Amino acid sequence: MVPEEVIMSKIYVFRRKKVILDMDLAMLYGVQTKYLKRAVRRNIRRFPPDFMFELNIQESEVLRYQIGTSSWGGLRYFQ
């Protein structure tokens, strides 16, 4: 069981919607991000239409500053 405060710290607001990044959701489920994304793609009909979306460039920049990625690229840039 993951503590509520851990989950709450992973929630961001974009486009007036609460979202959890794929890398954070994968971490919560204990899988690699690529496997989570593959499972979603293979089962896309099981998810509501607004289950996922891609951030635009401006949103990616805002998120990068919120998270505080390192100058040496400790976290990959969001695509």
PDB file of N, CA and C in Angstrom:
ATOM      1  N   MET A   1       0.848  -1.178   0.000  1.00  0.00           N
ATOM      2  CA  MET A   1       0.000   0.000   0.000  1.00  0.00           C
ATOM      3  C   MET A   1       0.892   1.241   0.000  1.00  0.00           C
ATOM      4  N   VAL A   2       0.601   2.155  -0.908  1.00  0.00           N
ATOM      5  CA  VAL A   2       1.377   3.390  -1.030  1.00  0.00           C
ATOM      6  C   VAL A   2       0.707   4.471  -0.184  1.00  0.00           C
ATOM      7  N   PRO A   3       1.469   5.160   0.645  1.00  0.00           N
ATOM      8  CA  PRO A   3       0.874   6.211   1.476  1.00  0.00           C
ATOM      9  C   PRO A   3       0.235   7.309   0.615  1.00  0.00           C
ATOM     10  N   GLU A   4      -0.865   7.837   1.101  1.00  0.00           N
ATOM     11  CA  GLU A   4      -1.614   8.860   0.366  1.00  0.00           C
ATOM     12  C   GLU A   4      -0.753  10.074   0.045  1.00  0.00           C
ATOM     13  N   GLU A   5       0.111  10.483   0.975  1.00  0.00           N
ATOM     14  CA  GLU A   5       0.930  11.670   0.730  1.00  0.00           C
ATOM     15  C   GLU A   5       1.918  11.460  -0.420  1.00  0.00           C
ATOM     16  N   VAL A   6       2.360  10.219  -0.630  1.00  0.00           N
ATOM     17  CA  VAL A   6       3.244   9.924  -1.761  1.00  0.00           C
ATOM     18  C   VAL A   6       2.476  10.108  -3.063  1.00  0.00           C
ATOM     19  N   ILE A   7       1.270   9.574  -3.110  1.00  0.00           N
ATOM     20  CA  ILE A   7       0.441   9.717  -4.312  1.00  0.00           C
ATOM     21  C   ILE A   7       0.111  11.181  -4.559  1.00  0.00           C
ATOM     22  N   MET A   8      -0.269  11.900  -3.526  1.00  0.00           N
ATOM     23  CA  MET A   8      -0.633  13.310  -3.672  1.00  0.00           C
ATOM     24  C   MET A   8       0.539  14.140  -4.186  1.00  0.00           C
ATOM     25  N   SER A   9       1.754  13.772  -3.816  1.00  0.00           N
ATOM     26  CA  SER A   9       2.930  14.535  -4.264  1.00  0.00           C
ATOM     27  C   SER A   9       3.216  14.318  -5.750  1.00  0.00           C
ATOM     28  N   LYS A  10       2.612  13.311  -6.344  1.00  0.00           N
ATOM     29  CA  LYS A  10       2.821  12.995  -7.757  1.00  0.00           C
ATOM     30  C   LYS A  10       1.763  13.623  -8.666  1.00  0.00           C
ATOM     31  N   ILE A  11       0.812  14.321  -8.092  1.00  0.00           N
ATOM     32  CA  ILE A  11      -0.282  14.896  -8.879  1.00  0.00           C
ATOM     33  C   ILE A  11       0.052  16.331  -9.276  1.00  0.00           C
ATOM     34  N   TYR A  12      -0.091  16.614 -10.567  1.00  0.00           N
ATOM     35  CA  TYR A  12       0.116  17.951 -11.122  1.00  0.00           C
ATOM     36  C   TYR A  12      -1.188  18.399 -11.771  1.00  0.00           C
ATOM     37  N   VAL A  13      -1.329  19.685 -12.005  1.00  0.00           N
ATOM     38  CA  VAL A  13      -2.515  20.203 -12.678  1.00  0.00           C
ATOM     39  C   VAL A  13      -2.097  20.783 -14.024  1.00  0.00           C
ATOM     40  N   PHE A  14      -2.637  20.226 -15.080  1.00  0.00           N
ATOM     41  CA  PHE A  14      -2.437  20.716 -16.435  1.00  0.00           C
ATOM     42  C   PHE A  14      -3.777  20.741 -17.131  1.00  0.00           C
ATOM     43  N   ARG A  15      -4.006  21.800 -17.869  1.00  0.00           N
ATOM     44  CA  ARG A  15      -5.272  21.947 -18.607  1.00  0.00           C
ATOM     45  C   ARG A  15      -6.471  21.784 -17.678  1.00  0.00           C
ATOM     46  N   ARG A  16      -6.304  22.281 -16.457  1.00  0.00           N
ATOM     47  CA  ARG A  16      -7.342  22.225 -15.421  1.00  0.00           C
ATOM     48  C   ARG A  16      -7.740  20.798 -15.051  1.00  0.00           C
ATOM     49  N   LYS A  17      -6.834  19.860 -15.259  1.00  0.00           N
ATOM     50  CA  LYS A  17      -7.086  18.469 -14.884  1.00  0.00           C
ATOM     51  C   LYS A  17      -5.939  17.994 -13.999  1.00  0.00           C
ATOM     52  N   LYS A  18      -6.272  17.175 -13.053  1.00  0.00           N
ATOM     53  CA  LYS A  18      -5.252  16.561 -12.212  1.00  0.00           C
ATOM     54  C   LYS A  18      -4.658  15.385 -12.975  1.00  0.00           C
ATOM     55  N   VAL A  19      -3.332  15.337 -13.033  1.00  0.00           N
ATOM     56  CA  VAL A  19      -2.665  14.276 -13.784  1.00  0.00           C
ATOM     57  C   VAL A  19      -1.503  13.701 -12.977  1.00  0.00           C
ATOM     58  N   ILE A  20      -1.175  12.463 -13.306  1.00  0.00           N
ATOM     59  CA  ILE A  20       0.013  11.802 -12.783  1.00  0.00           C
ATOM     60  C   ILE A  20       0.847  11.415 -13.996  1.00  0.00           C
ATOM     61  N   LEU A  21       2.118  11.733 -13.964  1.00  0.00           N
ATOM     62  CA  LEU A  21       3.006  11.417 -15.084  1.00  0.00           C
ATOM     63  C   LEU A  21       3.177   9.912 -15.229  1.00  0.00           C
ATOM     64  N   ASP A  22       3.411   9.483 -16.457  1.00  0.00           N
ATOM     65  CA  ASP A  22       3.584   8.052 -16.709  1.00  0.00           C
ATOM     66  C   ASP A  22       4.713   7.465 -15.875  1.00  0.00           C
ATOM     67  N   MET A  23       5.808   8.207 -15.720  1.00  0.00           N
ATOM     68  CA  MET A  23       6.930   7.670 -14.937  1.00  0.00           C
ATOM     69  C   MET A  23       6.560   7.510 -13.461  1.00  0.00           C
ATOM     70  N   ASP A  24       5.730   8.418 -12.946  1.00  0.00           N
ATOM     71  CA  ASP A  24       5.292   8.317 -11.555  1.00  0.00           C
ATOM     72  C   ASP A  24       4.281   7.191 -11.380  1.00  0.00           C
ATOM     73  N   LEU A  25       3.374   7.046 -12.332  1.00  0.00           N
ATOM     74  CA  LEU A  25       2.385   5.972 -12.265  1.00  0.00           C
ATOM     75  C   LEU A  25       3.079   4.612 -12.344  1.00  0.00           C
ATOM     76  N   ALA A  26       4.064   4.511 -13.219  1.00  0.00           N
ATOM     77  CA  ALA A  26       4.824   3.260 -13.329  1.00  0.00           C
ATOM     78  C   ALA A  26       5.531   2.941 -12.014  1.00  0.00           C
ATOM     79  N   MET A  27       6.117   3.969 -11.390  1.00  0.00           N
ATOM     80  CA  MET A  27       6.795   3.775 -10.111  1.00  0.00           C
ATOM     81  C   MET A  27       5.806   3.284  -9.053  1.00  0.00           C
ATOM     82  N   LEU A  28       4.617   3.867  -9.029  1.00  0.00           N
ATOM     83  CA  LEU A  28       3.604   3.454  -8.048  1.00  0.00           C
ATOM     84  C   LEU A  28       3.186   1.997  -8.243  1.00  0.00           C
ATOM     85  N   TYR A  29       3.173   1.555  -9.512  1.00  0.00           N
ATOM     86  CA  TYR A  29       2.819   0.167  -9.803  1.00  0.00           C
ATOM     87  C   TYR A  29       4.023  -0.776  -9.770  1.00  0.00           C
ATOM     88  N   GLY A  30       5.221  -0.211  -9.634  1.00  0.00           N
ATOM     89  CA  GLY A  30       6.418  -1.042  -9.548  1.00  0.00           C
ATOM     90  C   GLY A  30       6.846  -1.648 -10.871  1.00  0.00           C
ATOM     91  N   VAL A  31       6.610  -0.940 -11.963  1.00  0.00           N
ATOM     92  CA  VAL A  31       7.019  -1.411 -13.288  1.00  0.00           C
ATOM     93  C   VAL A  31       7.804  -0.307 -13.986  1.00  0.00           C
ATOM     94  N   GLN A  32       8.493  -0.673 -15.055  1.00  0.00           N
ATOM     95  CA  GLN A  32       9.178   0.328 -15.854  1.00  0.00           C
ATOM     96  C   GLN A  32       8.157   1.099 -16.693  1.00  0.00           C
ATOM     97  N   THR A  33       8.447   2.355 -16.954  1.00  0.00           N
ATOM     98  CA  THR A  33       7.530   3.211 -17.712  1.00  0.00           C
ATOM     99  C   THR A  33       7.197   2.613 -19.066  1.00  0.00           C
ATOM    100  N   LYS A  34       8.181   2.059 -19.751  1.00  0.00           N
ATOM    101  CA  LYS A  34       7.927   1.514 -21.084  1.00  0.00           C
ATOM    102  C   LYS A  34       6.926   0.358 -21.042  1.00  0.00           C
ATOM    103  N   TYR A  35       6.928  -0.409 -19.965  1.00  0.00           N
ATOM    104  CA  TYR A  35       5.976  -1.517 -19.865  1.00  0.00           C
ATOM    105  C   TYR A  35       4.574  -1.018 -19.541  1.00  0.00           C
ATOM    106  N   LEU A  36       4.481   0.015 -18.726  1.00  0.00           N
ATOM    107  CA  LEU A  36       3.181   0.622 -18.445  1.00  0.00           C
ATOM    108  C   LEU A  36       2.576   1.180 -19.729  1.00  0.00           C
ATOM    109  N   LYS A  37       3.373   1.933 -20.488  1.00  0.00           N
ATOM    110  CA  LYS A  37       2.881   2.534 -21.730  1.00  0.00           C
ATOM    111  C   LYS A  37       2.484   1.463 -22.742  1.00  0.00           C
ATOM    112  N   ARG A  38       3.252   0.383 -22.809  1.00  0.00           N
ATOM    113  CA  ARG A  38       2.921  -0.702 -23.728  1.00  0.00           C
ATOM    114  C   ARG A  38       1.594  -1.355 -23.327  1.00  0.00           C
ATOM    115  N   ALA A  39       1.393  -1.569 -22.041  1.00  0.00           N
ATOM    116  CA  ALA A  39       0.149  -2.178 -21.570  1.00  0.00           C
ATOM    117  C   ALA A  39      -1.053  -1.282 -21.885  1.00  0.00           C
ATOM    118  N   VAL A  40      -0.887   0.020 -21.718  1.00  0.00           N
ATOM    119  CA  VAL A  40      -1.979   0.946 -22.039  1.00  0.00           C
ATOM    120  C   VAL A  40      -2.281   0.907 -23.529  1.00  0.00           C
ATOM    121  N   ARG A  41      -1.229   0.971 -24.368  1.00  0.00           N
ATOM    122  CA  ARG A  41      -1.441   0.921 -25.823  1.00  0.00           C
ATOM    123  C   ARG A  41      -2.156  -0.353 -26.241  1.00  0.00           C
ATOM    124  N   ARG A  42      -1.789  -1.460 -25.642  1.00  0.00           N
ATOM    125  CA  ARG A  42      -2.400  -2.748 -26.018  1.00  0.00           C
ATOM    126  C   ARG A  42      -3.845  -2.876 -25.540  1.00  0.00           C
ATOM    127  N   ASN A  43      -4.209  -2.097 -24.525  1.00  0.00           N
ATOM    128  CA  ASN A  43      -5.544  -2.188 -23.947  1.00  0.00           C
ATOM    129  C   ASN A  43      -6.266  -0.844 -23.966  1.00  0.00           C
ATOM    130  N   ILE A  44      -6.009  -0.030 -24.958  1.00  0.00           N
ATOM    131  CA  ILE A  44      -6.492   1.342 -24.990  1.00  0.00           C
ATOM    132  C   ILE A  44      -8.016   1.427 -24.878  1.00  0.00           C
ATOM    133  N   ARG A  45      -8.728   0.450 -25.346  1.00  0.00           N
ATOM    134  CA  ARG A  45     -10.204   0.478 -25.283  1.00  0.00           C
ATOM    135  C   ARG A  45     -10.735   0.364 -23.856  1.00  0.00           C
ATOM    136  N   ARG A  46      -9.918  -0.067 -22.946  1.00  0.00           N
ATOM    137  CA  ARG A  46     -10.336  -0.195 -21.548  1.00  0.00           C
ATOM    138  C   ARG A  46     -10.272   1.122 -20.780  1.00  0.00           C
ATOM    139  N   PHE A  47      -9.676   2.139 -21.389  1.00  0.00           N
ATOM    140  CA  PHE A  47      -9.476   3.417 -20.724  1.00  0.00           C
ATOM    141  C   PHE A  47     -10.402   4.483 -21.285  1.00  0.00           C
ATOM    142  N   PRO A  48     -10.823   5.424 -20.440  1.00  0.00           N
ATOM    143  CA  PRO A  48     -11.659   6.519 -20.943  1.00  0.00           C
ATOM    144  C   PRO A  48     -10.848   7.403 -21.899  1.00  0.00           C
ATOM    145  N   PRO A  49     -11.517   8.120 -22.793  1.00  0.00           N
ATOM    146  CA  PRO A  49     -10.808   8.946 -23.787  1.00  0.00           C
ATOM    147  C   PRO A  49      -9.860   9.970 -23.177  1.00  0.00           C
ATOM    148  N   ASP A  50     -10.169  10.461 -21.995  1.00  0.00           N
ATOM    149  CA  ASP A  50      -9.315  11.476 -21.383  1.00  0.00           C
ATOM    150  C   ASP A  50      -8.303  10.883 -20.397  1.00  0.00           C
ATOM    151  N   PHE A  51      -8.052   9.577 -20.500  1.00  0.00           N
ATOM    152  CA  PHE A  51      -7.118   8.918 -19.587  1.00  0.00           C
ATOM    153  C   PHE A  51      -5.706   9.460 -19.739  1.00  0.00           C
ATOM    154  N   MET A  52      -5.320   9.764 -20.973  1.00  0.00           N
ATOM    155  CA  MET A  52      -3.954  10.243 -21.184  1.00  0.00           C
ATOM    156  C   MET A  52      -3.918  11.306 -22.266  1.00  0.00           C
ATOM    157  N   PHE A  53      -2.893  12.134 -22.183  1.00  0.00           N
ATOM    158  CA  PHE A  53      -2.615  13.108 -23.227  1.00  0.00           C
ATOM    159  C   PHE A  53      -1.146  13.478 -23.152  1.00  0.00           C
ATOM    160  N   GLU A  54      -0.636  14.055 -24.218  1.00  0.00           N
ATOM    161  CA  GLU A  54       0.759  14.474 -24.250  1.00  0.00           C
ATOM    162  C   GLU A  54       0.847  15.945 -23.918  1.00  0.00           C
ATOM    163  N   LEU A  55       1.873  16.291 -23.160  1.00  0.00           N
ATOM    164  CA  LEU A  55       2.114  17.690 -22.840  1.00  0.00           C
ATOM    165  C   LEU A  55       2.667  18.405 -24.066  1.00  0.00           C
ATOM    166  N   ASN A  56       2.270  19.663 -24.233  1.00  0.00           N
ATOM    167  CA  ASN A  56       2.886  20.447 -25.298  1.00  0.00           C
ATOM    168  C   ASN A  56       4.233  20.970 -24.790  1.00  0.00           C
ATOM    169  N   ILE A  57       4.966  21.654 -25.636  1.00  0.00           N
ATOM    170  CA  ILE A  57       6.315  22.109 -25.275  1.00  0.00           C
ATOM    171  C   ILE A  57       6.286  23.037 -24.066  1.00  0.00           C
ATOM    172  N   GLN A  58       5.348  23.976 -24.050  1.00  0.00           N
ATOM    173  CA  GLN A  58       5.268  24.920 -22.931  1.00  0.00           C
ATOM    174  C   GLN A  58       4.958  24.192 -21.623  1.00  0.00           C
ATOM    175  N   GLU A  59       4.034  23.245 -21.648  1.00  0.00           N
ATOM    176  CA  GLU A  59       3.697  22.485 -20.447  1.00  0.00           C
ATOM    177  C   GLU A  59       4.890  21.660 -19.971  1.00  0.00           C
ATOM    178  N   SER A  60       5.643  21.114 -20.910  1.00  0.00           N
ATOM    179  CA  SER A  60       6.831  20.339 -20.557  1.00  0.00           C
ATOM    180  C   SER A  60       7.853  21.205 -19.834  1.00  0.00           C
ATOM    181  N   GLU A  61       8.027  22.434 -20.323  1.00  0.00           N
ATOM    182  CA  GLU A  61       8.962  23.359 -19.680  1.00  0.00           C
ATOM    183  C   GLU A  61       8.518  23.688 -18.252  1.00  0.00           C
ATOM    184  N   VAL A  62       7.229  23.969 -18.079  1.00  0.00           N
ATOM    185  CA  VAL A  62       6.701  24.282 -16.755  1.00  0.00           C
ATOM    186  C   VAL A  62       6.930  23.109 -15.817  1.00  0.00           C
ATOM    187  N   LEU A  63       6.638  21.914 -16.286  1.00  0.00           N
ATOM    188  CA  LEU A  63       6.817  20.725 -15.462  1.00  0.00           C
ATOM    189  C   LEU A  63       8.279  20.512 -15.122  1.00  0.00           C
ATOM    190  N   ARG A  64       9.155  20.732 -16.084  1.00  0.00           N
ATOM    191  CA  ARG A  64      10.588  20.557 -15.856  1.00  0.00           C
ATOM    192  C   ARG A  64      11.050  21.464 -14.720  1.00  0.00           C
ATOM    193  N   TYR A  65      10.556  22.689 -14.683  1.00  0.00           N
ATOM    194  CA  TYR A  65      10.939  23.618 -13.610  1.00  0.00           C
ATOM    195  C   TYR A  65      10.308  23.221 -12.276  1.00  0.00           C
ATOM    196  N   GLN A  66       9.101  22.668 -12.311  1.00  0.00           N
ATOM    197  CA  GLN A  66       8.449  22.232 -11.072  1.00  0.00           C
ATOM    198  C   GLN A  66       9.211  21.075 -10.441  1.00  0.00           C
ATOM    199  N   ILE A  67       9.646  20.147 -11.268  1.00  0.00           N
ATOM    200  CA  ILE A  67      10.337  18.962 -10.762  1.00  0.00           C
ATOM    201  C   ILE A  67      11.783  19.286 -10.419  1.00  0.00           C
ATOM    202  N   GLY A  68      12.387  20.188 -11.174  1.00  0.00           N
ATOM    203  CA  GLY A  68      13.771  20.564 -10.906  1.00  0.00           C
ATOM    204  C   GLY A  68      14.758  19.566 -11.453  1.00  0.00           C
ATOM    205  N   THR A  69      14.697  19.285 -12.743  1.00  0.00           N
ATOM    206  CA  THR A  69      15.649  18.352 -13.340  1.00  0.00           C
ATOM    207  C   THR A  69      17.047  18.916 -13.243  1.00  0.00           C
ATOM    208  N   SER A  70      17.993  18.044 -13.174  1.00  0.00           N
ATOM    209  CA  SER A  70      19.379  18.473 -13.035  1.00  0.00           C
ATOM    210  C   SER A  70      19.923  19.000 -14.357  1.00  0.00           C
ATOM    211  N   SER A  71      20.950  19.807 -14.300  1.00  0.00           N
ATOM    212  CA  SER A  71      21.543  20.377 -15.506  1.00  0.00           C
ATOM    213  C   SER A  71      22.247  19.310 -16.343  1.00  0.00           C
ATOM    214  N   TRP A  72      22.627  18.206 -15.734  1.00  0.00           N
ATOM    215  CA  TRP A  72      23.293  17.148 -16.477  1.00  0.00           C
ATOM    216  C   TRP A  72      22.318  16.123 -17.045  1.00  0.00           C
ATOM    217  N   GLY A  73      21.034  16.363 -16.864  1.00  0.00           N
ATOM    218  CA  GLY A  73      20.029  15.493 -17.480  1.00  0.00           C
ATOM    219  C   GLY A  73      19.670  14.293 -16.642  1.00  0.00           C
ATOM    220  N   GLY A  74      19.638  14.448 -15.325  1.00  0.00           N
ATOM    221  CA  GLY A  74      19.293  13.347 -14.431  1.00  0.00           C
ATOM    222  C   GLY A  74      17.940  12.724 -14.753  1.00  0.00           C
ATOM    223  N   LEU A  75      17.009  13.533 -15.175  1.00  0.00           N
ATOM    224  CA  LEU A  75      15.738  13.028 -15.678  1.00  0.00           C
ATOM    225  C   LEU A  75      15.680  13.313 -17.161  1.00  0.00           C
ATOM    226  N   ARG A  76      15.140  12.401 -17.909  1.00  0.00           N
ATOM    227  CA  ARG A  76      15.003  12.620 -19.358  1.00  0.00           C
ATOM    228  C   ARG A  76      14.010  13.748 -19.578  1.00  0.00           C
ATOM    229  N   TYR A  77      14.224  14.496 -20.636  1.00  0.00           N
ATOM    230  CA  TYR A  77      13.248  15.527 -20.976  1.00  0.00           C
ATOM    231  C   TYR A  77      11.956  14.878 -21.395  1.00  0.00           C
ATOM    232  N   PHE A  78      10.867  15.508 -21.047  1.00  0.00           N
ATOM    233  CA  PHE A  78       9.540  14.975 -21.356  1.00  0.00           C
ATOM    234  C   PHE A  78       9.263  15.140 -22.831  1.00  0.00           C
ATOM    235  N   GLN A  79       8.649  14.140 -23.403  1.00  0.00           N
ATOM    236  CA  GLN A  79       8.367  14.172 -24.839  1.00  0.00           C
ATOM    237  C   GLN A  79       6.904  14.416 -25.089  1.00  0.00           C
TER     238      GLN A  79
END
